[in-house]
Amino acid sequence: MEDKISYAIDKDRINQQKMKLIVVNRRPQYTEQSQKTARQEIEKQLFQIFKKYD
């Protein structure tokens, strides 16, 4: 993994009766290569799980 990860920030405002809330979500933005590597690892792990039930 990388040392410095940039984050995408999403802000949503929720108005419920007299309350006003701001929800802030941060999610990491990985490089394309990192995403591909992570996707391959997840596929391998899922294959191992589903292989048990075959």
Protein backbone atom coordinates (compact mmCIF):
# COMPACT_ATOMS: atom_id res chain seq x y z
CA MET A 1 0.00 0.00 0.00
CA GLU A 2 0.98 3.59 -0.37
CA ASP A 3 2.10 5.81 2.47
CA LYS A 4 0.11 8.85 1.38
CA ILE A 5 -3.48 8.18 0.42
CA SER A 6 -5.69 10.94 -0.92
CA TYR A 7 -9.29 11.03 0.19
CA ALA A 8 -12.51 11.96 -1.57
CA ILE A 9 -14.81 13.90 0.74
CA ASP A 10 -18.59 13.85 0.39
CA LYS A 11 -20.74 16.26 2.39
CA ASP A 12 -24.49 15.92 2.77
CA ARG A 13 -26.90 18.16 4.64
CA ILE A 14 -29.83 16.58 6.43
CA ASN A 15 -32.70 18.72 7.67
CA GLN A 16 -35.02 16.87 10.02
CA GLN A 17 -37.60 19.02 11.76
CA LYS A 18 -35.54 21.53 13.78
CA MET A 19 -32.27 19.64 13.46
CA LYS A 20 -29.73 20.45 10.78
CA LEU A 21 -26.96 17.91 10.34
CA ILE A 22 -23.97 17.83 8.06
CA VAL A 23 -22.64 14.34 7.31
CA VAL A 24 -19.05 14.15 6.11
CA ASN A 25 -17.81 10.93 4.51
CA ARG A 26 -14.17 10.34 3.65
CA ARG A 27 -13.20 7.50 1.36
CA PRO A 28 -9.74 6.67 0.11
CA GLN A 29 -8.82 7.13 -3.53
CA TYR A 30 -6.35 4.50 -4.59
CA THR A 31 -4.31 4.40 -7.76
CA GLU A 32 -5.59 2.24 -10.58
CA GLN A 33 -2.87 -0.36 -9.96
CA SER A 34 -3.72 -0.56 -6.25
CA GLN A 35 -7.41 -1.04 -7.09
CA LYS A 36 -6.58 -3.80 -9.57
CA THR A 37 -4.37 -5.60 -7.03
CA ALA A 38 -7.03 -5.34 -4.32
CA ARG A 39 -9.74 -6.59 -6.72
CA GLN A 40 -7.62 -9.61 -7.66
CA GLU A 41 -6.99 -10.45 -4.01
CA ILE A 42 -10.71 -10.24 -3.22
CA GLU A 43 -11.52 -12.50 -6.18
CA LYS A 44 -9.00 -15.08 -4.95
CA GLN A 45 -10.46 -15.04 -1.46
CA LEU A 46 -14.03 -15.34 -2.75
CA PHE A 47 -13.02 -18.22 -5.00
CA GLN A 48 -11.55 -20.05 -1.99
CA ILE A 49 -14.77 -19.52 -0.03
CA PHE A 50 -17.11 -20.67 -2.81
CA LYS A 51 -14.84 -23.61 -3.63
CA LYS A 52 -15.75 -25.09 -0.24
CA TYR A 53 -19.44 -25.29 -1.24
CA ASP A 54 -18.93 -26.85 -4.65
